[in-house]
Amino acid sequence: MRLLLPKLLNTVGTLLIAYAALRVHHRVLNDQKVDRSVLKEMRREQVAGIFGTILIVVSFFLDVMLLY
């Protein structure tokens, strides 16, 4: 349990930061007050952010499985 808590807190903190960044991208994409090239780049960043979030979750579960 002692080894799990720091990993859990790190993962939750990282996911909260990712969530906040993805929400900002979503809000800007819906406003569409920027030009097309910026919107296209933000969509790419949003997909990369979602993929990164999935990798963080998978990494956490792999860490937990290797601990026990």
N, C-alpha and C. Protein backbone atom coordinates (compact mmCIF):
# COMPACT_ATOMS: atom_id res chain seq x y z
N MET A 1 0.83 -1.21 0.00
CA MET A 1 0.00 0.00 0.00
C MET A 1 0.87 1.26 0.00
N ARG A 2 1.99 1.20 0.71
CA ARG A 2 2.87 2.37 0.77
C ARG A 2 3.39 2.75 -0.61
N LEU A 3 3.64 1.75 -1.45
CA LEU A 3 4.17 2.03 -2.79
C LEU A 3 3.07 2.44 -3.77
N LEU A 4 1.86 2.04 -3.47
CA LEU A 4 0.75 2.33 -4.37
C LEU A 4 0.27 3.78 -4.27
N LEU A 5 0.26 4.34 -3.09
CA LEU A 5 -0.29 5.68 -2.89
C LEU A 5 0.42 6.75 -3.74
N PRO A 6 1.76 6.81 -3.76
CA PRO A 6 2.40 7.83 -4.62
C PRO A 6 2.07 7.66 -6.09
N LYS A 7 2.02 6.41 -6.57
CA LYS A 7 1.68 6.17 -7.97
C LYS A 7 0.24 6.60 -8.27
N LEU A 8 -0.64 6.31 -7.33
CA LEU A 8 -2.04 6.68 -7.49
C LEU A 8 -2.21 8.20 -7.53
N LEU A 9 -1.58 8.89 -6.60
CA LEU A 9 -1.68 10.35 -6.56
C LEU A 9 -1.07 10.99 -7.80
N ASN A 10 0.06 10.45 -8.26
CA ASN A 10 0.68 10.97 -9.47
C ASN A 10 -0.22 10.77 -10.68
N THR A 11 -0.80 9.60 -10.79
CA THR A 11 -1.69 9.31 -11.92
C THR A 11 -2.93 10.19 -11.89
N VAL A 12 -3.54 10.34 -10.74
CA VAL A 12 -4.73 11.18 -10.63
C VAL A 12 -4.40 12.63 -10.96
N GLY A 13 -3.29 13.13 -10.46
CA GLY A 13 -2.88 14.51 -10.76
C GLY A 13 -2.62 14.72 -12.23
N THR A 14 -1.93 13.78 -12.85
CA THR A 14 -1.65 13.87 -14.28
C THR A 14 -2.93 13.83 -15.10
N LEU A 15 -3.85 12.95 -14.70
CA LEU A 15 -5.13 12.87 -15.42
C LEU A 15 -5.95 14.14 -15.26
N LEU A 16 -5.90 14.77 -14.11
CA LEU A 16 -6.62 16.04 -13.92
C LEU A 16 -6.06 17.14 -14.81
N ILE A 17 -4.74 17.19 -14.95
CA ILE A 17 -4.12 18.17 -15.84
C ILE A 17 -4.52 17.89 -17.29
N ALA A 18 -4.48 16.61 -17.67
CA ALA A 18 -4.88 16.24 -19.04
C ALA A 18 -6.33 16.61 -19.30
N TYR A 19 -7.19 16.34 -18.33
CA TYR A 19 -8.61 16.67 -18.47
C TYR A 19 -8.81 18.17 -18.67
N ALA A 20 -8.11 18.96 -17.88
CA ALA A 20 -8.24 20.42 -18.00
C ALA A 20 -7.79 20.90 -19.38
N ALA A 21 -6.68 20.36 -19.87
CA ALA A 21 -6.17 20.77 -21.19
C ALA A 21 -7.14 20.35 -22.29
N LEU A 22 -7.68 19.15 -22.18
CA LEU A 22 -8.64 18.68 -23.20
C LEU A 22 -9.92 19.50 -23.17
N ARG A 23 -10.37 19.92 -22.01
CA ARG A 23 -11.58 20.75 -21.91
C ARG A 23 -11.35 22.11 -22.58
N VAL A 24 -10.18 22.68 -22.40
CA VAL A 24 -9.88 23.97 -23.05
C VAL A 24 -9.89 23.79 -24.56
N HIS A 25 -9.26 22.72 -25.06
CA HIS A 25 -9.26 22.47 -26.50
C HIS A 25 -10.69 22.29 -27.01
N HIS A 26 -11.49 21.57 -26.28
CA HIS A 26 -12.87 21.34 -26.69
C HIS A 26 -13.64 22.66 -26.76
N ARG A 27 -13.45 23.50 -25.77
CA ARG A 27 -14.15 24.79 -25.74
C ARG A 27 -13.75 25.68 -26.90
N VAL A 28 -12.46 25.74 -27.20
CA VAL A 28 -12.00 26.57 -28.32
C VAL A 28 -12.49 26.01 -29.65
N LEU A 29 -12.46 24.67 -29.78
CA LEU A 29 -12.95 24.07 -31.03
C LEU A 29 -14.43 24.37 -31.25
N ASN A 30 -15.21 24.42 -30.19
CA ASN A 30 -16.64 24.71 -30.34
C ASN A 30 -16.91 26.17 -30.63
N ASP A 31 -16.06 27.08 -30.14
CA ASP A 31 -16.25 28.51 -30.40
C ASP A 31 -15.94 28.85 -31.86
N GLN A 32 -14.95 28.21 -32.43
CA GLN A 32 -14.54 28.40 -33.82
C GLN A 32 -14.30 29.87 -34.18
N LYS A 33 -13.63 30.58 -33.26
CA LYS A 33 -13.30 31.98 -33.53
C LYS A 33 -11.84 32.12 -33.96
N VAL A 34 -11.25 31.00 -34.36
CA VAL A 34 -9.88 31.01 -34.87
C VAL A 34 -9.91 30.41 -36.27
N ASP A 35 -8.81 30.60 -37.02
CA ASP A 35 -8.82 30.12 -38.40
C ASP A 35 -8.69 28.60 -38.49
N ARG A 36 -8.90 28.11 -39.69
CA ARG A 36 -8.96 26.65 -39.92
C ARG A 36 -7.68 25.92 -39.54
N SER A 37 -6.54 26.52 -39.83
CA SER A 37 -5.28 25.82 -39.54
C SER A 37 -5.09 25.63 -38.03
N VAL A 38 -5.51 26.62 -37.25
CA VAL A 38 -5.42 26.49 -35.79
C VAL A 38 -6.40 25.42 -35.31
N LEU A 39 -7.61 25.40 -35.85
CA LEU A 39 -8.59 24.39 -35.46
C LEU A 39 -8.09 22.98 -35.79
N LYS A 40 -7.48 22.84 -36.96
CA LYS A 40 -6.95 21.54 -37.37
C LYS A 40 -5.85 21.08 -36.41
N GLU A 41 -4.96 21.97 -36.05
CA GLU A 41 -3.89 21.64 -35.12
C GLU A 41 -4.43 21.31 -33.73
N MET A 42 -5.44 22.03 -33.31
CA MET A 42 -6.02 21.76 -31.99
C MET A 42 -6.72 20.40 -31.99
N ARG A 43 -7.32 20.01 -33.09
CA ARG A 43 -7.93 18.67 -33.16
C ARG A 43 -6.86 17.59 -33.03
N ARG A 44 -5.72 17.81 -33.70
CA ARG A 44 -4.61 16.86 -33.58
C ARG A 44 -4.12 16.78 -32.13
N GLU A 45 -3.97 17.92 -31.51
CA GLU A 45 -3.52 17.95 -30.11
C GLU A 45 -4.53 17.26 -29.20
N GLN A 46 -5.81 17.43 -29.49
CA GLN A 46 -6.84 16.80 -28.68
C GLN A 46 -6.76 15.27 -28.80
N VAL A 47 -6.57 14.77 -30.01
CA VAL A 47 -6.43 13.32 -30.20
C VAL A 47 -5.18 12.82 -29.49
N ALA A 48 -4.08 13.54 -29.60
CA ALA A 48 -2.84 13.15 -28.92
C ALA A 48 -3.05 13.17 -27.41
N GLY A 49 -3.79 14.14 -26.91
CA GLY A 49 -4.07 14.21 -25.47
C GLY A 49 -4.90 13.05 -24.99
N ILE A 50 -5.88 12.65 -25.76
CA ILE A 50 -6.72 11.50 -25.38
C ILE A 50 -5.88 10.23 -25.39
N PHE A 51 -5.05 10.07 -26.40
CA PHE A 51 -4.17 8.90 -26.48
C PHE A 51 -3.19 8.88 -25.30
N GLY A 52 -2.64 10.04 -24.96
CA GLY A 52 -1.73 10.13 -23.82
C GLY A 52 -2.42 9.79 -22.51
N THR A 53 -3.66 10.22 -22.37
CA THR A 53 -4.43 9.90 -21.17
C THR A 53 -4.65 8.40 -21.05
N ILE A 54 -4.95 7.76 -22.16
CA ILE A 54 -5.13 6.30 -22.16
C ILE A 54 -3.83 5.62 -21.75
N LEU A 55 -2.70 6.10 -22.26
CA LEU A 55 -1.41 5.52 -21.91
C LEU A 55 -1.10 5.69 -20.42
N ILE A 56 -1.47 6.82 -19.84
CA ILE A 56 -1.26 7.04 -18.41
C ILE A 56 -2.04 6.02 -17.59
N VAL A 57 -3.28 5.78 -17.98
CA VAL A 57 -4.12 4.82 -17.25
C VAL A 57 -3.56 3.41 -17.40
N VAL A 58 -3.16 3.03 -18.60
CA VAL A 58 -2.59 1.70 -18.83
C VAL A 58 -1.30 1.54 -18.02
N SER A 59 -0.48 2.57 -18.02
CA SER A 59 0.77 2.52 -17.26
C SER A 59 0.50 2.34 -15.77
N PHE A 60 -0.49 3.02 -15.25
CA PHE A 60 -0.84 2.88 -13.83
C PHE A 60 -1.23 1.44 -13.52
N PHE A 61 -2.09 0.86 -14.34
CA PHE A 61 -2.52 -0.51 -14.09
C PHE A 61 -1.37 -1.50 -14.22
N LEU A 62 -0.46 -1.27 -15.15
CA LEU A 62 0.71 -2.14 -15.26
C LEU A 62 1.60 -2.02 -14.02
N ASP A 63 1.77 -0.79 -13.53
CA ASP A 63 2.54 -0.61 -12.29
C ASP A 63 1.92 -1.34 -11.13
N VAL A 64 0.60 -1.25 -10.99
CA VAL A 64 -0.09 -1.91 -9.90
C VAL A 64 0.03 -3.42 -10.02
N MET A 65 -0.12 -3.95 -11.23
CA MET A 65 -0.03 -5.40 -11.41
C MET A 65 1.39 -5.90 -11.10
N LEU A 66 2.41 -5.11 -11.43
CA LEU A 66 3.78 -5.52 -11.16
C LEU A 66 4.13 -5.41 -9.68
N LEU A 67 3.41 -4.57 -8.95
CA LEU A 67 3.66 -4.44 -7.51
C LEU A 67 3.17 -5.67 -6.76
N TYR A 68 2.11 -6.27 -7.25
CA TYR A 68 1.48 -7.39 -6.51
C TYR A 68 1.60 -8.68 -7.22
